[in-house]
Protein backbone atom coordinates (compact mmCIF):
# COMPACT_ATOMS: atom_id res chain seq x y z
CA MET A 1 126.22 67.23 112.76
CA ASN A 2 127.09 70.72 111.70
CA VAL A 3 126.47 70.70 107.96
CA ALA A 4 123.20 72.28 106.86
CA LYS A 5 121.11 69.50 105.30
CA ALA A 6 118.44 66.90 106.07
CA TYR A 7 119.60 63.87 108.04
CA ASP A 8 118.02 60.41 108.06
CA ILE A 9 117.89 58.50 111.34
CA THR A 10 118.41 54.74 111.33
CA VAL A 11 117.49 52.68 114.39
CA HIS A 12 118.60 49.06 115.02
CA ASP A 13 116.95 46.94 117.67
CA LYS A 14 118.71 44.15 119.59
CA PHE A 15 117.76 41.63 116.90
CA GLY A 16 119.39 43.68 114.15
CA CYS A 17 116.15 44.88 112.68
CA GLU A 18 116.56 48.25 111.07
CA THR A 19 114.07 51.09 110.76
CA LYS A 20 114.92 54.20 108.79
CA PHE A 21 113.28 57.55 109.47
CA PRO A 22 113.96 59.76 106.42
CA ALA A 23 114.80 63.43 106.96
CA LEU A 24 113.87 63.30 110.61
CA VAL A 25 116.45 65.97 111.48
CA THR A 26 117.11 69.04 109.35
CA ILE A 27 119.82 71.54 110.10
CA LEU A 28 119.24 74.89 108.41
CA GLN A 29 121.81 77.33 107.07
CA PRO A 30 122.81 79.99 109.64
CA LEU A 31 121.06 83.34 109.42
CA GLU A 32 123.00 86.04 107.61
CA LEU A 33 122.12 89.65 106.86
CA LYS A 34 122.99 91.81 103.87
CA THR A 35 122.40 95.53 104.35
CA GLU A 36 122.57 98.27 101.76
CA ILE A 37 122.22 102.00 102.18
CA LEU A 38 119.94 102.98 99.33
CA ASP A 39 119.78 106.73 100.03
CA TRP A 40 122.03 108.79 102.29
CA PRO A 41 120.16 111.43 104.32
CA SER A 42 120.18 114.95 102.95
CA CYS A 43 121.15 118.00 105.00
CA ASP A 44 117.53 118.12 106.24
CA GLU A 45 117.84 114.54 107.64
CA GLY A 46 114.96 112.09 107.89
CA ASP A 47 115.18 110.87 104.29
CA GLY A 48 117.73 108.03 104.40
CA ARG A 49 116.82 104.50 103.21
CA ILE A 50 118.25 101.09 104.10
CA SER A 51 117.51 97.71 102.50
CA VAL A 52 118.00 94.51 104.53
CA THR A 53 117.90 90.95 103.21
CA ALA A 54 118.17 87.87 105.42
CA THR A 55 119.28 84.46 104.14
CA GLY A 56 119.50 81.07 105.78
CA GLY A 57 117.22 79.64 108.39
CA SER A 58 113.68 78.76 107.31
CA GLY A 59 113.28 81.65 104.90
CA ASN A 60 110.56 83.32 106.95
CA TYR A 61 111.74 86.56 108.51
CA SER A 62 110.51 89.44 110.64
CA TYR A 63 112.56 92.68 110.50
CA SER A 64 112.69 95.70 112.80
CA ILE A 65 114.89 98.74 113.08
CA ASP A 66 115.67 100.66 116.26
CA LYS A 67 113.10 98.68 118.26
CA GLN A 68 110.24 99.81 116.00
CA PRO A 69 107.35 97.40 115.20
CA ALA A 70 108.48 94.50 113.04
CA VAL A 71 107.53 93.81 109.45
CA THR A 72 107.38 90.29 107.99
CA THR A 73 108.72 90.17 104.47
CA THR A 74 111.48 88.71 102.30
CA THR A 75 113.50 91.93 102.02
CA ALA A 76 112.82 94.91 104.26
CA GLU A 77 113.26 98.52 103.30
CA PHE A 78 113.42 101.14 106.03
CA THR A 79 112.77 104.75 105.09
CA GLY A 80 112.72 108.16 106.77
CA LEU A 81 116.06 107.54 108.50
CA ASP A 82 118.38 110.11 110.01
CA SER A 83 122.15 109.81 109.97
CA GLY A 84 123.66 107.85 112.86
CA SER A 85 123.68 104.26 114.11
CA HIS A 86 120.67 102.03 113.45
CA THR A 87 120.20 98.56 114.95
CA ILE A 88 118.46 96.04 112.71
CA ASP A 89 116.95 92.98 114.36
CA VAL A 90 115.75 89.98 112.36
CA ILE A 91 113.96 86.91 113.70
CA ASP A 92 113.37 83.73 111.76
CA THR A 93 109.63 83.41 112.40
CA THR A 94 109.73 79.60 112.13
CA THR A 95 112.79 78.77 114.22
CA LYS A 96 112.68 81.91 116.41
CA CYS A 97 116.42 82.33 115.87
CA PRO A 98 117.50 86.02 116.06
CA ILE A 99 120.28 87.98 114.37
CA SER A 100 121.16 91.66 114.67
CA THR A 101 123.44 94.11 112.94
CA MET A 102 124.26 97.77 113.21
CA VAL A 103 124.28 100.11 110.22
CA VAL A 104 125.91 103.52 110.48
CA ILE A 105 124.66 106.20 108.11
CA ALA A 106 127.09 109.09 107.82
CA PRO A 107 125.61 112.59 107.84
CA ALA A 108 125.67 114.77 104.75
CA THR A 109 128.79 116.88 104.67
CA LYS A 110 128.77 120.61 104.30
CA ILE A 111 130.19 122.09 101.12
CA ILE A 112 133.68 123.46 101.71
CA GLY A 113 136.17 124.99 99.33
CA PHE A 114 133.45 126.92 97.46
CA GLU A 115 134.36 130.26 95.92
CA ALA A 116 132.37 132.70 93.79
CA LYS A 117 133.89 135.63 91.92
CA ALA A 118 131.78 138.33 90.32
CA THR A 119 132.55 140.38 87.25
CA PRO A 120 130.18 143.38 87.46
CA VAL A 121 128.22 144.65 84.45
CA THR A 122 130.10 147.44 82.68
CA CYS A 123 127.11 149.77 82.39
CA PHE A 124 123.53 150.02 83.56
CA SER A 125 121.22 147.78 81.48
CA TYR A 126 124.15 145.78 80.05
CA THR A 127 124.07 142.01 80.50
CA ASP A 128 127.80 141.32 80.47
CA GLY A 129 128.13 140.58 84.19
CA LYS A 130 129.31 137.11 85.23
CA ILE A 131 129.64 134.98 88.31
CA ARG A 132 132.29 132.31 88.29
CA ALA A 133 131.77 129.58 90.88
CA SER A 134 134.27 126.91 91.79
CA ILE A 135 134.57 124.07 94.26
CA THR A 136 137.98 122.76 95.29
CA PRO A 137 138.29 119.28 93.74
CA GLY A 138 138.52 116.32 96.09
CA VAL A 139 137.24 117.97 99.29
CA ASN A 140 133.50 117.45 98.86
CA ASP A 141 131.79 114.08 98.63
CA ASN A 142 128.17 114.95 97.79
CA PRO A 143 127.99 115.61 94.05
CA ILE A 144 125.94 116.36 91.87
CA TYR A 145 126.00 120.00 92.91
CA LYS A 146 123.12 122.29 92.06
CA TYR A 147 123.08 126.07 92.28
CA ARG A 148 120.51 128.78 92.22
CA ILE A 149 120.76 132.55 91.92
CA ASN A 150 118.30 134.71 93.91
CA ASN A 151 115.94 131.77 94.51
CA GLY A 152 115.53 131.24 90.77
CA SER A 153 115.36 127.89 89.05
CA THR A 154 117.86 125.23 90.03
CA SER A 155 120.65 124.32 87.63
CA ARG A 156 122.92 121.29 87.44
CA LYS A 157 125.39 122.90 85.10
CA ARG A 158 128.97 122.12 85.89
CA ILE A 159 130.51 124.48 88.37
CA VAL A 160 134.02 125.26 87.23
């Protein structure tokens, strides 16, 4: 028997009498895990998020990450994560069957290929100065980029 379902057991004695025991044996679906990185950590680290959903088994699960205390829930969400490898352990709380997986969260990458060119104001008190900022296309993987001049307000305007 290797198909997940309920099995009836039928017993015959030496006289041919039959007794049926319905759904005496139930084989459950194997445990499987689906992981999703919800938020990649920022440059400051410690703010990544992972969601983990188990299926199969009895449907009752206990989740833990990196040997931390377990939480019992349908879908677990782990927060405050740094980049690196994280081991997720799940136990079916009814059958006691375990399953584990490793999730690797890549670190935030530093901005490269950034260039800023200034055009100075022509005269004191004029406001015709400019800064032209550009990022080499295809070398950075962390958009949307924000910029700030002299710790002023943050802007999301397109950097050309």
